[in-house]
Amino acid sequence: MIRLSVLIYLLSLACFAFFTFAFVDIHLFYLRNLYTGLYLTHRLELSAVFTLLVAVLFGCFYIFITNSDKLKHLTNKLVLLVVAAAIIAYPAALTFDIFNYMTTAKVVYQYHENPYVIYPLEFVGEPNLLFTRATNKLALYGPFWILLTAIPYFLGFGNFILTLFSFKAFIALFYLATVYLIRKMDRNAVIFFALNPLVVVETLVSSHNDIVMVFFALLAVYFIKLDKVSSIVAFVGSVLIKFSTAFLIPVYLLSFFSKLKSERIYAYSAISMLVIFALSPIREELYPWYAIWFIAFTAFLNKNKFLQTLVLVFSFGLMLRYIPYIATGNYFGPTPIIRNALMILPVLIFLISIWLKRYFPSRL
């Protein structure tokens, strides 16, 4: 059963990677040979395929976490196979953030301008403007992230395709580093984080930098009882990538100056990141990849199976938020309502099923 689930999971992930190329932008002339226009002409079919693949991935993931003991000896190989299956995906199928990372890096390292002062759209004739979103905004991320992007930017040697996949590989390395770190902290937490389809898709497919922020936040927790200076440096580094981890400051200070048990640190951190996740619509909207913030800490709470299953179900609901946009191509009209309904529905079904099992066990 486990081996079959692993095979189905990997095949589904490979199919998902192939599926992403249906969304190659018509304006992305660097990949014009891969342009199909399917995302314009076959929206309903693509939304159905997306739903099926996501459902299969989460179904397999549920089998993984309920049979985690049988999977432990395969975890390392499985993580590497997951990276191999997902790394080839087109990273802008669901979001366009990777282009934003690349364009901001170009503003700094090619044009030698301050991205917190100069808008990308001010560079008239810049080819990246044809397919980069949010060009009317100043840099959205902290200075440490912009500093780190020098690595994949210069490894691209000025070639767009090479730079694109340098960014993907760079973020994939942080995924592997995070999984390795989690394993050192608690090997029982690896499967819940590393194989969660939301984490895999948003990190290895869409290449969001949240995994980098989370890595340094976890590194700060790891060092908190071993090396205070390293812990402080890691924590500051996390905040200077994305400012969301600033919400961990109360927990971090409490952990820093007291003998708080690790499990409590993880629990309080998960709650803190869940709070900032829930507040994110105040600034913009509830993006699925923001869930990585609290999933990383929830992974350590493996004694609370109800909580972890609830997070699994919520992760599934968050991935379903993409369906209305894939089907319609816009964020307006009924789309926001449908997205929220799809996000909440799996959680409601799960909670109702738990309630029914508790109060009407003989009828189920």
Protein backbone atom coordinates (compact mmCIF):
# COMPACT_ATOMS: atom_id res chain seq x y z
CA MET A 1 0.00 0.00 0.00
CA ILE A 2 2.77 2.45 0.98
CA ARG A 3 4.94 1.69 -2.04
CA LEU A 4 1.95 2.01 -4.36
CA SER A 5 1.05 5.34 -2.74
CA VAL A 6 4.63 6.55 -3.19
CA LEU A 7 4.57 5.59 -6.86
CA ILE A 8 1.21 7.31 -7.44
CA TYR A 9 2.41 10.40 -5.55
CA LEU A 10 5.58 10.72 -7.64
CA LEU A 11 3.78 10.07 -10.92
CA SER A 12 1.12 12.64 -10.01
CA LEU A 13 3.79 15.18 -9.12
CA ALA A 14 5.58 14.55 -12.42
CA CYS A 15 2.25 14.99 -14.24
CA PHE A 16 1.70 18.21 -12.30
CA ALA A 17 5.11 19.48 -13.44
CA PHE A 18 4.20 18.66 -17.05
CA PHE A 19 0.76 20.24 -16.55
CA THR A 20 2.30 23.59 -15.56
CA PHE A 21 3.61 24.18 -19.08
CA ALA A 22 0.04 24.67 -20.28
CA PHE A 23 0.28 28.08 -18.57
CA VAL A 24 3.33 29.47 -20.37
CA ASP A 25 2.52 33.17 -20.88
CA ILE A 26 2.00 34.39 -24.44
CA HIS A 27 4.26 37.34 -23.61
CA LEU A 28 7.11 35.14 -22.38
CA PHE A 29 8.98 35.14 -25.67
CA TYR A 30 11.91 33.26 -24.13
CA LEU A 31 9.69 30.15 -24.01
CA ARG A 32 7.65 30.83 -27.14
CA ASN A 33 8.35 27.33 -28.46
CA LEU A 34 6.50 25.93 -25.42
CA TYR A 35 3.51 28.23 -25.70
CA THR A 36 0.25 26.35 -26.33
CA GLY A 37 -2.45 28.82 -25.35
CA LEU A 38 -4.26 26.08 -23.45
CA TYR A 39 -4.73 28.32 -20.42
CA LEU A 40 -6.82 30.60 -22.66
CA THR A 41 -8.81 28.02 -24.62
CA HIS A 42 -9.26 25.05 -22.26
CA ARG A 43 -9.75 26.60 -18.84
CA LEU A 44 -12.38 24.17 -17.56
CA GLU A 45 -10.40 21.14 -18.64
CA LEU A 46 -7.26 22.47 -16.96
CA SER A 47 -9.14 23.24 -13.75
CA ALA A 48 -10.47 19.66 -13.73
CA VAL A 49 -6.96 18.23 -14.23
CA PHE A 50 -5.60 20.49 -11.51
CA THR A 51 -8.33 19.39 -9.07
CA LEU A 52 -7.69 15.71 -9.81
CA LEU A 53 -3.91 15.97 -9.39
CA VAL A 54 -4.19 17.94 -6.14
CA ALA A 55 -6.76 15.48 -4.75
CA VAL A 56 -4.53 12.50 -5.59
CA LEU A 57 -1.46 14.13 -4.06
CA PHE A 58 -3.28 14.91 -0.83
CA GLY A 59 -4.83 11.44 -0.75
CA CYS A 60 -1.37 9.89 -0.95
CA PHE A 61 -0.07 12.35 1.63
CA TYR A 62 -2.79 11.31 4.07
CA ILE A 63 -1.66 7.70 3.65
CA PHE A 64 1.93 8.81 4.29
CA ILE A 65 1.24 10.55 7.60
CA THR A 66 -1.02 7.77 8.86
CA ASN A 67 1.66 5.18 8.05
CA SER A 68 4.73 7.31 8.73
CA ASP A 69 6.63 4.52 10.53
CA LYS A 70 6.58 2.39 7.37
CA LEU A 71 7.86 5.28 5.29
CA LYS A 72 10.79 6.45 7.41
CA HIS A 73 13.38 4.27 5.66
CA LEU A 74 12.30 5.74 2.30
CA THR A 75 12.09 9.38 3.34
CA ASN A 76 15.51 10.56 2.15
CA LYS A 77 15.18 8.96 -1.28
CA LEU A 78 11.58 10.12 -1.57
CA VAL A 79 12.50 13.74 -0.83
CA LEU A 80 15.16 13.68 -3.55
CA LEU A 81 12.72 12.10 -6.02
CA VAL A 82 10.15 14.77 -5.16
CA VAL A 83 12.69 17.48 -5.95
CA ALA A 84 13.61 15.77 -9.22
CA ALA A 85 9.95 15.44 -10.24
CA ALA A 86 9.00 19.02 -9.38
CA ILE A 87 12.08 21.07 -10.27
CA ILE A 88 11.42 20.88 -14.01
CA ALA A 89 8.00 22.54 -13.67
CA TYR A 90 7.21 25.91 -15.19
CA PRO A 91 7.25 28.15 -12.07
CA ALA A 92 4.71 30.74 -13.19
CA ALA A 93 1.70 28.49 -13.72
CA LEU A 94 -0.06 29.53 -10.51
CA THR A 95 1.77 32.73 -9.56
CA PHE A 96 4.34 35.06 -11.09
CA ASP A 97 6.51 35.73 -8.03
CA ILE A 98 9.66 34.20 -9.47
CA PHE A 99 9.65 36.82 -12.23
CA ASN A 100 9.37 39.47 -9.54
CA TYR A 101 12.44 38.03 -7.78
CA MET A 102 14.39 38.03 -11.04
CA THR A 103 13.36 41.53 -12.06
CA THR A 104 14.14 43.01 -8.63
CA ALA A 105 17.56 41.35 -8.76
CA LYS A 106 18.08 42.86 -12.20
CA VAL A 107 17.21 46.32 -10.89
CA VAL A 108 19.92 45.93 -8.24
CA TYR A 109 22.67 44.00 -9.98
CA GLN A 110 22.37 45.15 -13.59
CA TYR A 111 20.92 48.65 -13.32
CA HIS A 112 22.54 49.36 -9.92
CA GLU A 113 19.44 51.07 -8.59
CA ASN A 114 17.73 50.92 -5.19
CA PRO A 115 14.62 48.68 -5.54
CA TYR A 116 13.07 50.36 -2.50
CA VAL A 117 13.11 53.68 -4.37
CA ILE A 118 12.91 52.81 -8.08
CA TYR A 119 9.93 50.98 -9.63
CA PRO A 120 10.72 48.25 -12.19
CA LEU A 121 8.35 49.86 -14.72
CA GLU A 122 10.63 52.91 -14.82
CA PHE A 123 13.09 50.93 -16.96
CA VAL A 124 11.43 51.56 -20.31
CA GLY A 125 12.20 48.82 -22.80
CA GLU A 126 13.16 46.25 -20.15
CA PRO A 127 12.00 42.90 -21.65
CA ASN A 128 11.05 41.40 -18.26
CA LEU A 129 8.26 43.95 -17.94
CA LEU A 130 6.24 42.06 -20.57
CA PHE A 131 5.56 39.14 -18.23
CA THR A 132 6.46 40.35 -14.72
CA ARG A 133 3.58 41.34 -12.44
CA ALA A 134 3.60 44.05 -9.74
CA THR A 135 6.06 46.19 -11.69
CA ASN A 136 4.32 49.23 -10.24
CA LYS A 137 5.45 48.30 -6.73
CA LEU A 138 8.71 48.83 -4.91
CA ALA A 139 10.66 45.81 -3.63
CA LEU A 140 8.28 43.59 -1.68
CA TYR A 141 10.90 41.70 0.32
CA GLY A 142 13.62 42.41 2.85
CA PRO A 143 17.22 43.37 2.07
CA PHE A 144 18.64 39.99 3.07
CA TRP A 145 16.53 38.29 0.41
CA ILE A 146 17.69 40.77 -2.22
CA LEU A 147 21.28 40.11 -1.14
CA LEU A 148 20.76 36.35 -1.44
CA THR A 149 19.29 36.68 -4.95
CA ALA A 150 22.72 37.76 -6.17
CA ILE A 151 23.66 34.06 -6.12
CA PRO A 152 21.08 32.71 -8.61
CA TYR A 153 21.13 35.96 -10.60
CA PHE A 154 24.85 35.80 -11.36
CA LEU A 155 24.74 32.02 -11.85
CA GLY A 156 22.35 32.77 -14.73
CA PHE A 157 25.18 34.55 -16.61
CA GLY A 158 22.70 36.93 -18.20
CA ASN A 159 20.70 34.12 -19.85
CA PHE A 160 16.99 34.26 -18.98
CA ILE A 161 16.31 30.50 -19.01
CA LEU A 162 19.45 29.74 -17.02
CA THR A 163 18.61 32.48 -14.54
CA LEU A 164 15.03 31.22 -14.21
CA PHE A 165 16.14 27.72 -13.32
CA SER A 166 18.97 29.04 -11.15
CA PHE A 167 16.31 30.69 -9.01
CA LYS A 168 14.30 27.47 -8.96
CA ALA A 169 17.35 25.42 -7.99
CA PHE A 170 18.34 27.99 -5.36
CA ILE A 171 14.96 27.76 -3.66
CA ALA A 172 14.97 23.95 -4.01
CA LEU A 173 18.26 23.90 -2.11
CA PHE A 174 16.60 25.76 0.75
CA TYR A 175 13.79 23.20 0.68
CA LEU A 176 16.37 20.44 1.08
CA ALA A 177 18.21 22.41 3.77
CA THR A 178 14.94 22.93 5.66
CA VAL A 179 14.08 19.23 5.46
CA TYR A 180 17.58 18.34 6.69
CA LEU A 181 17.27 20.81 9.57
CA ILE A 182 13.84 19.48 10.55
CA ARG A 183 15.30 15.98 10.54
CA LYS A 184 18.03 17.07 12.97
CA MET A 185 15.45 18.72 15.22
CA ASP A 186 12.92 15.86 15.11
CA ARG A 187 13.04 13.16 12.48
CA ASN A 188 9.37 12.38 13.11
CA ALA A 189 8.44 15.80 11.72
CA VAL A 190 10.04 15.36 8.28
CA ILE A 191 7.24 13.59 6.42
CA PHE A 192 4.53 16.01 7.52
CA PHE A 193 6.45 18.99 6.19
CA ALA A 194 8.51 17.67 3.29
CA LEU A 195 5.74 15.73 1.53
CA ASN A 196 2.83 18.10 2.14
CA PRO A 197 1.63 18.82 -1.43
CA LEU A 198 1.11 22.50 -0.61
CA VAL A 199 4.74 22.82 0.54
CA VAL A 200 6.00 20.87 -2.47
CA VAL A 201 3.98 22.80 -5.06
CA GLU A 202 4.52 26.25 -3.58
CA THR A 203 8.23 25.67 -2.96
CA LEU A 204 9.50 23.37 -5.72
CA VAL A 205 7.01 24.25 -8.46
CA SER A 206 6.13 27.89 -7.87
CA SER A 207 9.44 28.65 -6.15
CA HIS A 208 8.23 30.99 -3.42
CA ASN A 209 10.89 32.43 -1.13
CA ASP A 210 8.85 31.66 2.00
CA ILE A 211 10.89 28.48 2.39
CA VAL A 212 14.02 30.62 2.78
CA MET A 213 12.38 32.70 5.51
CA VAL A 214 11.18 29.54 7.26
CA PHE A 215 14.62 27.93 7.06
CA PHE A 216 16.25 30.77 8.96
CA ALA A 217 13.40 30.89 11.49
CA LEU A 218 13.84 27.17 12.21
CA LEU A 219 17.61 27.63 12.33
CA ALA A 220 17.11 30.31 15.00
CA VAL A 221 15.05 27.85 17.05
CA TYR A 222 17.61 25.09 16.50
CA PHE A 223 20.46 27.25 17.79
CA ILE A 224 18.56 28.84 20.66
CA LYS A 225 19.94 26.38 23.21
CA LEU A 226 23.24 25.72 21.44
CA ASP A 227 24.59 29.07 20.31
CA LYS A 228 22.77 32.28 21.23
CA VAL A 229 24.69 34.46 18.78
CA SER A 230 24.02 32.16 15.82
CA SER A 231 20.38 32.00 16.86
CA ILE A 232 20.06 35.80 16.87
CA VAL A 233 21.77 36.11 13.48
CA ALA A 234 19.48 33.47 11.97
CA PHE A 235 16.37 35.08 13.41
CA VAL A 236 17.29 38.54 12.16
CA GLY A 237 18.08 36.99 8.78
CA SER A 238 14.59 35.45 8.65
CA VAL A 239 12.90 38.76 9.46
CA LEU A 240 14.99 40.53 6.82
CA ILE A 241 13.77 38.12 4.15
CA LYS A 242 10.06 38.55 4.80
CA PHE A 243 8.88 40.54 7.76
CA SER A 244 6.22 37.98 8.74
CA THR A 245 8.52 36.22 11.20
CA ALA A 246 8.64 39.42 13.24
CA PHE A 247 5.45 37.97 14.78
CA LEU A 248 7.67 35.32 16.35
CA ILE A 249 9.55 37.91 18.43
CA PRO A 250 7.48 37.36 21.65
CA VAL A 251 7.89 33.58 21.39
CA TYR A 252 11.56 33.94 20.49
CA LEU A 253 12.30 36.21 23.45
CA LEU A 254 10.40 33.92 25.80
CA SER A 255 12.39 30.95 24.51
CA PHE A 256 15.64 32.90 24.58
CA PHE A 257 15.40 33.93 28.24
CA SER A 258 13.65 30.90 29.71
CA LYS A 259 13.90 27.13 29.66
CA LEU A 260 10.83 26.69 27.53
CA LYS A 261 10.42 23.12 26.27
CA SER A 262 10.84 22.58 22.55
CA GLU A 263 7.28 21.37 22.07
CA ARG A 264 5.93 24.59 23.57
CA ILE A 265 8.22 26.66 21.35
CA TYR A 266 6.85 24.89 18.29
CA ALA A 267 3.25 25.23 19.46
CA TYR A 268 3.55 28.93 20.27
CA SER A 269 5.40 29.54 17.00
CA ALA A 270 2.72 27.73 15.00
CA ILE A 271 0.03 29.84 16.66
CA SER A 272 1.97 33.07 16.03
CA MET A 273 2.46 32.29 12.35
CA LEU A 274 -1.16 31.23 12.02
CA VAL A 275 -2.20 34.61 13.41
CA ILE A 276 -0.12 36.59 10.90
CA PHE A 277 -1.37 34.23 8.16
CA ALA A 278 -4.97 35.01 9.15
CA LEU A 279 -4.21 38.75 9.21
CA SER A 280 -2.57 38.76 5.77
CA PRO A 281 -5.80 39.76 3.92
CA ILE A 282 -5.55 43.14 5.67
CA ARG A 283 -2.49 43.90 3.55
CA GLU A 284 -3.33 41.99 0.38
CA GLU A 285 -4.97 38.56 0.38
CA LEU A 286 -4.72 35.03 1.75
CA TYR A 287 -2.15 33.35 -0.45
CA PRO A 288 -1.85 29.54 -0.18
CA TRP A 289 1.94 29.57 0.14
CA TYR A 290 1.70 31.62 3.34
CA ALA A 291 0.56 28.39 5.02
CA ILE A 292 4.17 27.19 4.88
CA TRP A 293 4.77 29.57 7.80
CA PHE A 294 2.72 27.55 10.26
CA ILE A 295 3.00 24.14 8.59
CA ALA A 296 6.74 24.18 9.37
CA PHE A 297 6.08 24.42 13.11
CA THR A 298 2.98 22.22 13.13
CA ALA A 299 5.16 19.43 11.72
CA PHE A 300 6.79 19.07 15.15
CA LEU A 301 3.47 18.62 16.94
CA ASN A 302 3.16 15.00 15.84
CA LYS A 303 1.56 13.95 19.13
CA ASN A 304 -1.51 15.97 18.20
CA LYS A 305 -2.89 13.95 15.29
CA PHE A 306 -6.14 15.92 15.21
CA LEU A 307 -4.27 19.20 14.73
CA GLN A 308 -2.01 17.80 12.04
CA THR A 309 -4.95 16.28 10.16
CA LEU A 310 -6.79 19.59 10.41
CA VAL A 311 -3.76 21.39 8.94
CA LEU A 312 -3.60 18.76 6.18
CA VAL A 313 -7.27 19.36 5.31
CA PHE A 314 -6.81 23.13 5.44
CA SER A 315 -3.77 22.82 3.14
CA PHE A 316 -5.96 20.96 0.68
CA GLY A 317 -8.59 23.71 0.88
CA LEU A 318 -5.96 26.37 0.27
CA MET A 319 -4.79 24.62 -2.89
CA LEU A 320 -8.38 24.53 -4.13
CA ARG A 321 -8.37 28.34 -4.08
CA TYR A 322 -6.58 28.23 -7.43
CA ILE A 323 -9.49 26.53 -9.21
CA PRO A 324 -11.75 29.57 -9.86
CA TYR A 325 -8.89 31.56 -11.38
CA ILE A 326 -7.78 28.65 -13.58
CA ALA A 327 -11.39 28.19 -14.72
CA THR A 328 -12.21 31.87 -15.36
CA GLY A 329 -8.92 33.69 -15.74
CA ASN A 330 -9.89 36.54 -13.41
CA TYR A 331 -10.09 37.44 -9.73
CA PHE A 332 -13.31 39.42 -9.98
CA GLY A 333 -17.06 38.76 -9.84
CA PRO A 334 -17.92 35.59 -7.90
CA THR A 335 -14.31 34.33 -7.95
CA PRO A 336 -13.33 35.59 -4.44
CA ILE A 337 -16.46 34.06 -2.88
CA ILE A 338 -15.93 30.73 -4.63
CA ARG A 339 -12.26 30.67 -3.60
CA ASN A 340 -13.12 31.18 0.06
CA ALA A 341 -15.89 28.59 -0.11
CA LEU A 342 -13.53 26.01 -1.61
CA MET A 343 -10.96 26.78 1.07
CA ILE A 344 -13.40 26.40 3.96
CA LEU A 345 -15.50 23.49 2.66
CA PRO A 346 -12.96 20.68 3.29
CA VAL A 347 -12.39 21.96 6.84
CA LEU A 348 -16.13 22.05 7.53
CA ILE A 349 -16.60 18.53 6.17
CA PHE A 350 -13.72 17.28 8.30
CA LEU A 351 -14.99 18.92 11.50
CA ILE A 352 -18.55 17.70 10.91
CA SER A 353 -17.30 14.16 10.32
CA ILE A 354 -15.34 14.30 13.59
CA TRP A 355 -18.42 15.57 15.42
CA LEU A 356 -20.61 12.82 13.94
CA LYS A 357 -18.12 10.11 14.88
CA ARG A 358 -18.01 11.43 18.41
CA TYR A 359 -21.74 11.76 19.06
CA PHE A 360 -23.15 9.11 16.69
CA PRO A 361 -20.44 6.42 16.53
CA SER A 362 -22.86 3.53 16.14
CA ARG A 363 -24.33 4.96 12.94
CA LEU A 364 -21.03 5.46 11.16
